Protein backbone atom coordinates (compact mmCIF):
# COMPACT_ATOMS: atom_id res chain seq x y z
CA UNK A 1 0.17 -0.23 -0.29
CA UNK A 2 1.29 3.40 -0.74
CA UNK A 3 0.21 6.92 -0.83
CA UNK A 4 0.13 9.00 -3.98
CA UNK A 5 -0.89 12.78 -4.34
CA UNK A 6 -5.21 12.95 -4.81
CA UNK A 7 -5.61 14.73 -8.21
CA UNK A 8 -8.97 16.52 -9.09
CA UNK A 9 -9.88 13.44 -11.75
CA UNK A 10 -9.84 10.85 -8.39
CA UNK A 11 -12.68 12.54 -7.70
CA UNK A 12 -14.77 10.19 -9.95
CA UNK A 13 -12.53 7.23 -8.73
CA UNK A 14 -13.42 7.68 -5.04
CA UNK A 15 -16.89 8.17 -6.16
CA UNK A 16 -16.93 4.46 -7.93
CA UNK A 17 -14.87 3.03 -5.24
CA UNK A 18 -17.90 4.27 -2.73
CA UNK A 19 -20.32 2.72 -5.02
CA UNK A 20 -18.23 -0.47 -5.17
CA UNK A 21 -18.15 -0.83 -1.48
CA UNK A 22 -21.84 -0.43 -0.77
CA UNK A 23 -23.32 -3.66 0.63
CA UNK A 24 -19.54 -5.15 1.12
CA UNK A 25 -19.74 -6.34 4.93
CA UNK A 26 -17.73 -4.03 6.65
CA UNK A 27 -17.33 -2.83 10.26
CA UNK A 28 -16.58 0.61 8.82
CA UNK A 29 -19.45 1.36 6.24
CA UNK A 30 -18.03 3.94 3.97
CA UNK A 31 -19.71 6.98 2.64
CA UNK A 32 -22.63 6.53 0.09
CA UNK A 33 -22.56 8.77 -3.03
CA UNK A 34 -24.82 11.50 -2.12
CA UNK A 35 -22.53 12.98 0.86
CA UNK A 36 -19.20 12.93 -1.44
CA UNK A 37 -20.83 15.03 -4.22
CA UNK A 38 -22.72 17.12 -1.55
CA UNK A 39 -19.86 18.33 0.21
CA UNK A 40 -17.50 18.95 -2.86
CA UNK A 41 -20.12 20.69 -5.03
CA UNK A 42 -21.93 22.66 -2.31
CA UNK A 43 -20.02 22.70 1.19
CA UNK A 44 -16.92 23.54 -0.31
CA UNK A 45 -18.50 26.00 -2.97
CA UNK A 46 -20.19 28.04 0.22
CA UNK A 47 -17.00 27.92 2.32
CA UNK A 48 -15.05 28.72 -0.56
CA UNK A 49 -12.35 25.95 -0.16
CA UNK A 50 -13.08 24.24 -3.57
CA UNK A 51 -9.63 24.79 -4.68
CA UNK A 52 -7.77 24.36 -1.73
CA UNK A 53 -9.58 20.68 -0.64
CA UNK A 54 -7.57 18.35 -3.23
CA UNK A 55 -4.49 19.23 -1.59
CA UNK A 56 -5.75 17.82 1.95
CA UNK A 57 -6.70 14.38 1.00
CA UNK A 58 -4.92 11.36 1.85
CA UNK A 59 -5.23 8.75 -1.11
CA UNK A 60 -3.80 5.06 -0.79
CA UNK A 61 -3.51 2.51 -3.24
CA UNK A 62 -2.98 -1.29 -2.72
CA UNK A 63 -0.64 -3.32 -4.67
CA UNK A 64 -3.14 -3.88 -7.37
CA UNK A 65 -3.57 0.14 -7.87
CA UNK A 66 -6.81 -0.29 -6.18
CA UNK A 67 -8.14 2.32 -3.97
CA UNK A 68 -7.29 1.39 -0.24
CA UNK A 69 -8.11 4.03 1.77
CA UNK A 70 -9.06 7.87 1.39
CA UNK A 71 -8.66 10.10 4.47
CA UNK A 72 -10.39 13.77 4.07
CA UNK A 73 -12.16 16.26 5.50
CA UNK A 74 -15.58 17.95 3.97
CA UNK A 75 -14.19 21.14 3.63
CA UNK A 76 -15.29 23.14 5.86
CA UNK A 77 -11.82 23.70 8.09
CA UNK A 78 -13.71 22.07 11.07
CA UNK A 79 -11.10 20.08 12.36
CA UNK A 80 -13.07 16.77 11.25
CA UNK A 81 -11.58 13.85 9.34
CA UNK A 82 -13.75 10.95 7.55
CA UNK A 83 -11.92 7.57 6.47
CA UNK A 84 -13.19 5.65 3.20
CA UNK A 85 -11.47 2.45 3.50
CA UNK A 86 -11.75 -0.81 1.20
CA UNK A 87 -13.28 -3.82 3.26
CA UNK A 88 -10.26 -5.45 3.93
CA UNK A 89 -7.87 -6.17 7.02
CA UNK A 90 -5.62 -3.55 7.81
CA UNK A 91 -2.83 -3.37 10.20
CA UNK A 92 -2.28 -1.32 12.95
CA UNK A 93 0.45 0.21 11.40
CA UNK A 94 -1.55 1.13 8.32
CA UNK A 95 -4.68 2.52 10.45
CA UNK A 96 -1.75 4.76 12.08
CA UNK A 97 -0.89 5.85 9.30
CA UNK A 98 -4.00 7.28 8.42
CA UNK A 99 -4.73 8.99 11.87
CA UNK A 100 -1.10 10.68 11.51
CA UNK A 101 -2.07 12.11 8.00
CA UNK A 102 -5.36 13.27 9.41
CA UNK A 103 -3.80 14.91 12.54
CA UNK A 104 -0.85 16.47 10.45
CA UNK A 105 -3.06 17.72 7.72
CA UNK A 106 -6.61 18.43 9.19
CA UNK A 107 -6.57 19.21 12.60
CA UNK A 108 -7.53 22.99 13.50
CA UNK A 109 -6.34 25.44 15.79
CA UNK A 110 -8.71 26.07 18.57
CA UNK A 111 -8.56 28.00 22.14
CA UNK A 112 -4.82 28.02 21.99
CA UNK A 113 -4.67 24.14 21.07
CA UNK A 114 -4.93 22.06 17.94
CA UNK A 115 -8.05 19.67 17.70
CA UNK A 116 -9.28 16.81 15.62
CA UNK A 117 -12.54 15.08 15.41
CA UNK A 118 -12.40 11.18 13.88
CA UNK A 119 -15.37 9.09 12.69
CA UNK A 120 -14.92 5.32 13.29
CA UNK A 121 -17.49 2.74 12.74
CA UNK A 122 -19.53 1.72 15.64
CA UNK A 123 -18.32 -2.06 15.13
CA UNK A 124 -14.58 -1.34 13.98
CA UNK A 125 -12.95 -2.49 17.54
CA UNK A 126 -9.57 -2.42 16.07
CA UNK A 127 -9.52 1.57 15.35
CA UNK A 128 -11.51 2.13 18.37
CA UNK A 129 -8.75 0.46 20.39
CA UNK A 130 -6.20 2.29 18.59
CA UNK A 131 -7.60 5.82 18.59
CA UNK A 132 -8.30 5.55 22.52
CA UNK A 133 -4.81 4.54 23.15
CA UNK A 134 -3.76 7.52 20.89
CA UNK A 135 -5.46 9.92 23.33
CA UNK A 136 -8.77 10.22 21.65
CA UNK A 137 -12.21 10.41 23.61
CA UNK A 138 -15.53 9.54 22.52
CA UNK A 139 -18.02 11.77 22.42
CA UNK A 140 -21.65 11.54 23.45
CA UNK A 141 -22.80 12.34 19.76
CA UNK A 142 -22.44 10.12 16.73
CA UNK A 143 -23.55 10.17 13.19
CA UNK A 144 -26.30 7.64 12.43
CA UNK A 145 -27.46 6.26 9.15
CA UNK A 146 -30.87 5.07 8.64
CA UNK A 147 -32.87 3.07 5.69
CA UNK A 148 -36.27 1.82 4.56
CA UNK A 149 -37.36 -0.68 1.90
CA UNK A 150 -39.29 0.68 -0.89
CA UNK A 151 -42.53 -1.80 -0.73
CA UNK A 152 -45.59 0.25 -1.73
CA UNK A 153 -46.33 3.66 -3.17
CA UNK A 154 -46.64 6.49 -0.44
CA UNK A 155 -49.65 8.83 -0.82
CA UNK A 156 -48.41 12.27 -1.30
CA UNK A 157 -50.78 14.77 0.53
CA UNK A 158 -50.40 18.40 0.58
CA UNK A 159 -52.47 21.24 2.01
CA UNK A 160 -54.33 23.61 -0.27
CA UNK A 161 -52.29 26.08 -1.99
CA UNK A 162 -49.14 24.10 -1.99
CA UNK A 163 -47.53 21.85 -4.83
CA UNK A 164 -44.42 20.17 -5.43
CA UNK A 165 -41.79 21.23 -8.57
CA UNK A 166 -38.41 20.63 -9.11
CA UNK A 167 -34.75 22.21 -9.49
CA UNK A 168 -36.00 22.67 -13.52
CA UNK A 169 -38.53 25.26 -12.46
CA UNK A 170 -37.01 26.90 -9.77
CA UNK A 171 -34.07 29.39 -9.07
CA UNK A 172 -30.98 28.78 -7.18
CA UNK A 173 -31.39 32.00 -5.38
CA UNK A 174 -34.82 30.69 -4.01
CA UNK A 175 -33.80 27.30 -3.35
CA UNK A 176 -30.56 29.23 -1.40
CA UNK A 177 -32.66 31.43 0.75
CA UNK A 178 -35.21 28.33 1.79
CA UNK A 179 -32.11 26.29 2.80
CA UNK A 180 -30.97 29.03 4.92
CA UNK A 181 -34.03 29.71 6.89
CA UNK A 182 -34.67 25.95 7.18
CA UNK A 183 -31.17 25.53 8.79
CA UNK A 184 -30.82 28.52 10.55
CA UNK A 185 -27.94 31.01 8.94
CA UNK A 186 -30.48 33.04 7.33
CA UNK A 187 -32.76 34.57 10.10
CA UNK A 188 -34.24 37.34 8.44
CA UNK A 189 -36.77 37.92 4.93
CA UNK A 190 -33.73 38.20 2.48
CA UNK A 191 -30.63 36.33 2.45
CA UNK A 192 -27.76 38.07 4.20
CA UNK A 193 -25.25 37.05 1.46
CA UNK A 194 -25.31 34.84 -1.84
CA UNK A 195 -23.38 32.14 -0.78
CA UNK A 196 -26.48 29.68 -0.76
CA UNK A 197 -27.21 30.63 -3.98
CA UNK A 198 -23.71 30.03 -5.51
CA UNK A 199 -23.44 26.90 -3.48
CA UNK A 200 -26.76 25.54 -5.31
CA UNK A 201 -25.68 26.67 -8.41
CA UNK A 202 -22.33 24.92 -8.02
CA UNK A 203 -24.40 21.54 -6.84
CA UNK A 204 -25.91 21.50 -10.46
CA UNK A 205 -22.13 20.28 -11.56
CA UNK A 206 -22.08 17.47 -9.33
CA UNK A 207 -21.85 13.92 -11.41
CA UNK A 208 -24.81 12.29 -9.71
CA UNK A 209 -27.06 15.52 -9.61
CA UNK A 210 -30.35 15.23 -11.30
CA UNK A 211 -32.55 18.33 -11.25
CA UNK A 212 -35.45 16.43 -11.51
CA UNK A 213 -34.96 14.65 -8.28
CA UNK A 214 -34.19 18.26 -6.50
CA UNK A 215 -37.60 18.55 -5.28
CA UNK A 216 -39.30 21.94 -3.53
CA UNK A 217 -42.90 22.43 -2.19
CA UNK A 218 -43.78 25.75 -3.00
CA UNK A 219 -46.68 28.00 -2.49
CA UNK A 220 -49.24 29.88 -4.57
CA UNK A 221 -46.40 32.93 -4.12
CA UNK A 222 -43.85 30.52 -5.16
CA UNK A 223 -42.06 30.57 -2.12
CA UNK A 224 -40.02 27.56 -1.30
CA UNK A 225 -41.28 26.10 1.65
CA UNK A 226 -39.88 22.80 1.77
CA UNK A 227 -37.19 20.81 -0.08
CA UNK A 228 -35.64 17.16 -0.51
CA UNK A 229 -32.98 16.21 -3.00
CA UNK A 230 -32.54 12.63 -3.78
CA UNK A 231 -29.33 10.95 -4.98
CA UNK A 232 -29.90 7.73 -7.03
CA UNK A 233 -27.05 5.12 -7.08
CA UNK A 234 -28.47 3.07 -9.53
CA UNK A 235 -25.84 0.56 -9.69
CA UNK A 236 -27.10 -0.66 -6.26
CA UNK A 237 -30.34 0.39 -6.51
CA UNK A 238 -30.52 2.68 -3.70
CA UNK A 239 -31.36 6.34 -3.31
CA UNK A 240 -30.37 8.77 -0.33
CA UNK A 241 -32.38 12.01 0.66
CA UNK A 242 -29.55 14.67 1.27
CA UNK A 243 -30.61 17.53 2.37
CA UNK A 244 -34.36 17.58 3.49
CA UNK A 245 -35.59 20.88 5.33
CA UNK A 246 -38.48 23.04 5.96
CA UNK A 247 -38.53 26.71 6.17
CA UNK A 248 -39.53 27.89 9.73
CA UNK A 249 -42.88 29.49 9.04
CA UNK A 250 -44.53 26.33 6.91
CA UNK A 251 -43.37 23.76 9.61
CA UNK A 252 -46.02 21.30 10.91
CA UNK A 253 -48.20 21.20 7.75
CA UNK A 254 -46.93 18.21 6.47
CA UNK A 255 -44.70 19.27 3.75
CA UNK A 256 -41.75 17.89 4.36
CA UNK A 257 -43.33 14.00 4.52
CA UNK A 258 -44.88 15.07 1.44
CA UNK A 259 -41.61 16.26 -0.60
CA UNK A 260 -40.20 12.90 0.89
CA UNK A 261 -42.89 10.80 -0.17
CA UNK A 262 -42.67 12.19 -3.57
CA UNK A 263 -38.78 11.90 -3.90
CA UNK A 264 -39.00 8.20 -2.51
CA UNK A 265 -41.64 7.62 -5.34
CA UNK A 266 -39.71 8.97 -8.02
CA UNK A 267 -36.52 7.05 -6.96
CA UNK A 268 -38.87 3.75 -6.56
CA UNK A 269 -39.86 4.49 -10.28
CA UNK A 270 -35.98 4.74 -11.55
CA UNK A 271 -35.17 1.24 -9.90
CA UNK A 272 -34.49 2.03 -6.29
CA UNK A 273 -35.27 -0.62 -3.69
CA UNK A 274 -33.83 1.09 -0.80
CA UNK A 275 -33.81 4.56 0.37
CA UNK A 276 -31.31 6.09 2.90
CA UNK A 277 -30.91 8.89 5.16
CA UNK A 278 -28.16 10.50 7.55
CA UNK A 279 -30.25 10.87 10.49
CA UNK A 280 -32.37 8.88 12.88
CA UNK A 281 -34.63 11.77 13.98
CA UNK A 282 -38.36 10.82 15.09
CA UNK A 283 -39.48 12.38 11.76
CA UNK A 284 -37.70 9.19 9.69
CA UNK A 285 -38.36 6.56 12.00
CA UNK A 286 -42.25 7.87 11.72
CA UNK A 287 -41.96 7.06 7.90
CA UNK A 288 -40.30 3.87 8.70
CA UNK A 289 -36.74 4.47 8.73
CA UNK A 290 -34.32 2.28 10.78
CA UNK A 291 -30.78 2.55 11.73
CA UNK A 292 -28.55 0.64 10.01
CA UNK A 293 -25.26 1.68 11.06
CA UNK A 294 -23.72 4.33 13.35
CA UNK A 295 -20.08 6.14 12.89
CA UNK A 296 -19.11 7.37 16.48
CA UNK A 297 -17.21 10.66 16.75
CA UNK A 298 -13.74 10.52 18.59
CA UNK A 299 -11.90 14.06 19.66
CA UNK A 300 -8.37 14.71 20.42
CA UNK A 301 -6.56 17.48 21.71
CA UNK A 302 -3.40 17.65 19.97
CA UNK A 303 -0.18 19.37 21.87
């Protein structure tokens, strides 16, 4: 196994690697393709780290020139590291090499010291033991991934005055403002900047983005009230929801449920047999989602 520089074209290779390793029994499940697309074309555009991010990625190939491991951040400069690993046996020395790269390249300075957060599969005892021995502490929050089998059509019900549309018919500025209101970084009646609009415009360039699956609920005034973007992994016959949200003034009207149901239906019509979401919120459990796996979060304050 050897580390080589990560190049721009390797983004697609990692995307294919994530698809390839889905559903392979593993104690540290990799990302699904939605997050790999979303953080690159949305998050990094919003945080203006698109050009810098590739230089921060650790990229290892095995003896057959296949991807063995990728160590990276989301590009938000938050001191977080994520491991995408081929489902094989790694030695302790190899795993320590990945950890060392993360500590050197991805930790951030905070309150006078450097800090790093690692995600570790809940079933990955070997890596848990190594990070604990290296001084990491497991935090009291984690990242769950839940899924539901698509077995029958969902009834899409909307209150009067609302309809479902998609990104072929809605401006990026409208989607961006709704995203900012739903996730709390826009507090007023107008966006504070054009960051979200720019990010949604960039998202259209993502390899797996499909505008007909980027759904919104709009009212009679064409305001975006809720949204759900669906990502399709046709090879594995799965779909993933990312992001999903409702603008505060339109909450508790059943809009998020309606747009998620519509998204599941559209994904099913394209062959998806299971739908995933990176959450275990009661909203999803009520729809039938159940947690498949969990990535624990470990923190280390570096000297």
